[in-house]
Structure formats: structure tokens, C-alpha cells
Amino acid sequence: QVQLVESGGGLVQPGGSLRLSCAASGNIFSINTMAWYRQAPGKERESVAVITSGANTNYVDSVKGRFTISRDNVKAVYLQMNSLKPEDTAVYYCVVRDWLGKDYWGKGTLVTVSS
């Protein structure tokens, strides 16, 4: 089992920045891919950014050039969010997938972009 705890969410003005962190514990050496998802009010959950064990990254089009995902081996994953927009408002979830294909989810952290 893997446990995930997110931090770093909060209220920020449009154009501002936030850095989300996710600390992993438990059977962390089973972790392969790490990712951030988000769910905005009234919308479906979507994948925001993914980073593989080889540090290859992929982003949803709406955040390309503004968000950067990074990882500290299997111990943590981060999401640097710049030039934030009101439409980035959502609950952000840390997700990891182990080498057997099982997904683990954090409880989420709320990001609100508003003036």
C-alpha cells in the first residue's frame, strides 16, 4: 500500500503561482508513474500532468507552458503552477501507479484562483 498526502493548495489571485507537493509513504519502491489530476466544480476529473519513472512528462493542453511536474525519485511529486487562471480552480489530487498497474489517490488539496 502507498499513502499520499498533498499540500500547498490555497487561494491565489489570477496570474499568481502555487506549488503543490505530494509526499508518498508506505511501499514507495513499488511506485512507477506519478501524476496530478484535478476536478473542478461541476466537471469531470481530468489528468493535468504525468511524470514517468524515467522523468518523461505529459500535460493537458490547457496547462502547457504554465505548469511543471517534477518528482523526487519515489518519495514525492510536485506541481509548480504559474500564471494561474480562474479556470484552474479545482481540487487537485496526487495519483501514483505502481508497477502492477494499481492506482493510489491522495485526498486532494483545493486550489482557488480568484481576485
C-alpha atoms as a PDB file:
ATOM      1  CA  GLN A   1       0.000   0.000   0.000  1.00  0.00           C
ATOM      2  CA  VAL A   2       1.019   3.569  -0.683  1.00  0.00           C
ATOM      3  CA  GLN A   3      -0.196   6.604   1.229  1.00  0.00           C
ATOM      4  CA  LEU A   4      -0.203  10.065  -0.320  1.00  0.00           C
ATOM      5  CA  VAL A   5      -0.551  13.445   1.357  1.00  0.00           C
ATOM      6  CA  GLU A   6      -0.926  16.624  -0.693  1.00  0.00           C
ATOM      7  CA  SER A   7      -0.132  20.143   0.469  1.00  0.00           C
ATOM      8  CA  GLY A   8       0.284  23.612  -0.958  1.00  0.00           C
ATOM      9  CA  GLY A   9      -3.221  24.466  -2.081  1.00  0.00           C
ATOM     10  CA  GLY A  10      -4.906  27.731  -1.234  1.00  0.00           C
ATOM     11  CA  LEU A  11      -6.310  30.978  -2.557  1.00  0.00           C
ATOM     12  CA  VAL A  12      -4.320  32.876  -5.162  1.00  0.00           C
ATOM     13  CA  GLN A  13      -5.065  35.805  -7.453  1.00  0.00           C
ATOM     14  CA  PRO A  14      -5.175  35.360 -11.223  1.00  0.00           C
ATOM     15  CA  GLY A  15      -1.650  35.444 -12.612  1.00  0.00           C
ATOM     16  CA  GLY A  16      -0.190  34.144  -9.380  1.00  0.00           C
ATOM     17  CA  SER A  17       1.708  30.962  -8.606  1.00  0.00           C
ATOM     18  CA  LEU A  18       1.386  27.973  -6.301  1.00  0.00           C
ATOM     19  CA  ARG A  19       3.493  24.883  -5.743  1.00  0.00           C
ATOM     20  CA  LEU A  20       1.717  21.681  -4.819  1.00  0.00           C
ATOM     21  CA  SER A  21       3.573  18.908  -3.052  1.00  0.00           C
ATOM     22  CA  CYS A  22       2.675  15.278  -2.519  1.00  0.00           C
ATOM     23  CA  ALA A  23       4.585  13.105  -0.083  1.00  0.00           C
ATOM     24  CA  ALA A  24       4.465   9.350  -0.524  1.00  0.00           C
ATOM     25  CA  SER A  25       4.869   6.771   2.222  1.00  0.00           C
ATOM     26  CA  GLY A  26       4.413   3.052   2.660  1.00  0.00           C
ATOM     27  CA  ASN A  27       5.542   0.752  -0.148  1.00  0.00           C
ATOM     28  CA  ILE A  28       7.063   3.603  -2.131  1.00  0.00           C
ATOM     29  CA  PHE A  29       9.502   1.439  -4.069  1.00  0.00           C
ATOM     30  CA  SER A  30       6.531  -0.020  -5.937  1.00  0.00           C
ATOM     31  CA  ILE A  31       5.790   3.405  -7.452  1.00  0.00           C
ATOM     32  CA  ASN A  32       6.143   3.800 -11.209  1.00  0.00           C
ATOM     33  CA  THR A  33       4.250   6.740 -12.653  1.00  0.00           C
ATOM     34  CA  MET A  34       3.237   9.824 -10.671  1.00  0.00           C
ATOM     35  CA  ALA A  35       0.606  12.346 -11.675  1.00  0.00           C
ATOM     36  CA  TRP A  36      -1.671  15.195 -10.744  1.00  0.00           C
ATOM     37  CA  TYR A  37      -5.378  15.169 -11.505  1.00  0.00           C
ATOM     38  CA  ARG A  38      -7.948  17.838 -10.809  1.00  0.00           C
ATOM     39  CA  GLN A  39     -11.694  18.156 -10.542  1.00  0.00           C
ATOM     40  CA  ALA A  40     -13.403  21.493 -10.928  1.00  0.00           C
ATOM     41  CA  PRO A  41     -16.898  22.127  -9.590  1.00  0.00           C
ATOM     42  CA  GLY A  42     -19.465  20.514 -11.852  1.00  0.00           C
ATOM     43  CA  LYS A  43     -16.831  18.980 -14.112  1.00  0.00           C
ATOM     44  CA  GLU A  44     -15.297  15.573 -14.578  1.00  0.00           C
ATOM     45  CA  ARG A  45     -11.941  14.727 -13.112  1.00  0.00           C
ATOM     46  CA  GLU A  46      -9.064  15.222 -15.567  1.00  0.00           C
ATOM     47  CA  SER A  47      -5.393  14.374 -15.763  1.00  0.00           C
ATOM     48  CA  VAL A  48      -3.299  17.537 -15.506  1.00  0.00           C
ATOM     49  CA  ALA A  49       0.281  16.280 -15.622  1.00  0.00           C
ATOM     50  CA  VAL A  50       2.076  12.941 -15.591  1.00  0.00           C
ATOM     51  CA  ILE A  51       5.705  12.040 -14.959  1.00  0.00           C
ATOM     52  CA  THR A  52       7.097   8.573 -15.574  1.00  0.00           C
ATOM     53  CA  SER A  53       9.838   6.775 -13.719  1.00  0.00           C
ATOM     54  CA  GLY A  54      12.166   7.943 -16.494  1.00  0.00           C
ATOM     55  CA  ALA A  55      11.106  11.561 -15.929  1.00  0.00           C
ATOM     56  CA  ASN A  56       9.150  11.840 -19.156  1.00  0.00           C
ATOM     57  CA  THR A  57       6.308  14.306 -18.740  1.00  0.00           C
ATOM     58  CA  ASN A  58       2.952  14.943 -20.332  1.00  0.00           C
ATOM     59  CA  TYR A  59       0.468  17.764 -19.768  1.00  0.00           C
ATOM     60  CA  VAL A  60      -3.114  18.533 -20.632  1.00  0.00           C
ATOM     61  CA  ASP A  61      -3.157  21.243 -23.301  1.00  0.00           C
ATOM     62  CA  SER A  62      -4.753  23.843 -21.049  1.00  0.00           C
ATOM     63  CA  VAL A  63      -1.731  23.958 -18.696  1.00  0.00           C
ATOM     64  CA  LYS A  64       1.167  23.528 -21.123  1.00  0.00           C
ATOM     65  CA  GLY A  65       3.747  26.265 -20.635  1.00  0.00           C
ATOM     66  CA  ARG A  66       2.297  27.211 -17.251  1.00  0.00           C
ATOM     67  CA  PHE A  67       2.560  24.087 -15.070  1.00  0.00           C
ATOM     68  CA  THR A  68       5.609  21.928 -14.409  1.00  0.00           C
ATOM     69  CA  ILE A  69       5.558  18.494 -12.807  1.00  0.00           C
ATOM     70  CA  SER A  70       8.637  17.093 -11.101  1.00  0.00           C
ATOM     71  CA  ARG A  71       9.453  14.262  -8.738  1.00  0.00           C
ATOM     72  CA  ASP A  72      11.926  13.347  -6.057  1.00  0.00           C
ATOM     73  CA  ASN A  73      12.508   9.747  -7.098  1.00  0.00           C
ATOM     74  CA  VAL A  74       9.596   7.878  -5.444  1.00  0.00           C
ATOM     75  CA  LYS A  75       9.340   9.999  -2.331  1.00  0.00           C
ATOM     76  CA  ALA A  76       7.427  12.990  -3.634  1.00  0.00           C
ATOM     77  CA  VAL A  77       5.873  14.664  -6.636  1.00  0.00           C
ATOM     78  CA  TYR A  78       5.406  18.370  -7.181  1.00  0.00           C
ATOM     79  CA  LEU A  79       3.341  20.645  -9.400  1.00  0.00           C
ATOM     80  CA  GLN A  80       4.596  24.165  -9.990  1.00  0.00           C
ATOM     81  CA  MET A  81       1.683  26.244 -11.237  1.00  0.00           C
ATOM     82  CA  ASN A  82       2.362  29.659 -12.757  1.00  0.00           C
ATOM     83  CA  SER A  83       0.140  32.215 -14.476  1.00  0.00           C
ATOM     84  CA  LEU A  84      -2.874  30.746 -12.752  1.00  0.00           C
ATOM     85  CA  LYS A  85      -6.312  31.390 -14.197  1.00  0.00           C
ATOM     86  CA  PRO A  86      -9.757  31.217 -12.590  1.00  0.00           C
ATOM     87  CA  GLU A  87     -10.453  28.113 -14.663  1.00  0.00           C
ATOM     88  CA  ASP A  88      -7.616  26.357 -12.817  1.00  0.00           C
ATOM     89  CA  THR A  89      -9.780  26.394  -9.695  1.00  0.00           C
ATOM     90  CA  ALA A  90     -10.258  22.788  -8.634  1.00  0.00           C
ATOM     91  CA  VAL A  91      -9.406  20.119  -6.124  1.00  0.00           C
ATOM     92  CA  TYR A  92      -6.010  18.746  -7.128  1.00  0.00           C
ATOM     93  CA  TYR A  93      -5.219  15.096  -6.460  1.00  0.00           C
ATOM     94  CA  CYS A  94      -1.894  13.330  -6.354  1.00  0.00           C
ATOM     95  CA  VAL A  95      -2.025   9.915  -8.011  1.00  0.00           C
ATOM     96  CA  VAL A  96       0.634   7.250  -8.293  1.00  0.00           C
ATOM     97  CA  ARG A  97       0.590   3.975 -10.198  1.00  0.00           C
ATOM     98  CA  ASP A  98       2.643   1.008  -9.113  1.00  0.00           C
ATOM     99  CA  TRP A  99       4.413  -1.467 -11.342  1.00  0.00           C
ATOM    100  CA  LEU A 100       1.374  -3.761 -11.224  1.00  0.00           C
ATOM    101  CA  GLY A 101      -0.892  -1.039 -12.558  1.00  0.00           C
ATOM    102  CA  LYS A 102      -2.681  -0.225  -9.322  1.00  0.00           C
ATOM    103  CA  ASP A 103      -3.509   3.425  -8.678  1.00  0.00           C
ATOM    104  CA  TYR A 104      -3.336   5.196  -5.336  1.00  0.00           C
ATOM    105  CA  TRP A 105      -5.003   8.551  -4.728  1.00  0.00           C
ATOM    106  CA  GLY A 106      -4.443  11.289  -2.205  1.00  0.00           C
ATOM    107  CA  LYS A 107      -7.346  13.093  -0.563  1.00  0.00           C
ATOM    108  CA  GLY A 108      -6.833  16.251  -2.577  1.00  0.00           C
ATOM    109  CA  THR A 109      -5.966  19.872  -1.974  1.00  0.00           C
ATOM    110  CA  LEU A 110      -8.138  22.807  -3.016  1.00  0.00           C
ATOM    111  CA  VAL A 111      -6.758  25.480  -5.324  1.00  0.00           C
ATOM    112  CA  THR A 112      -8.875  28.596  -5.741  1.00  0.00           C
ATOM    113  CA  VAL A 113      -7.900  31.255  -8.260  1.00  0.00           C
ATOM    114  CA  SER A 114      -9.883  34.414  -7.657  1.00  0.00           C
ATOM    115  CA  SER A 115      -9.470  38.131  -7.215  1.00  0.00           C
END
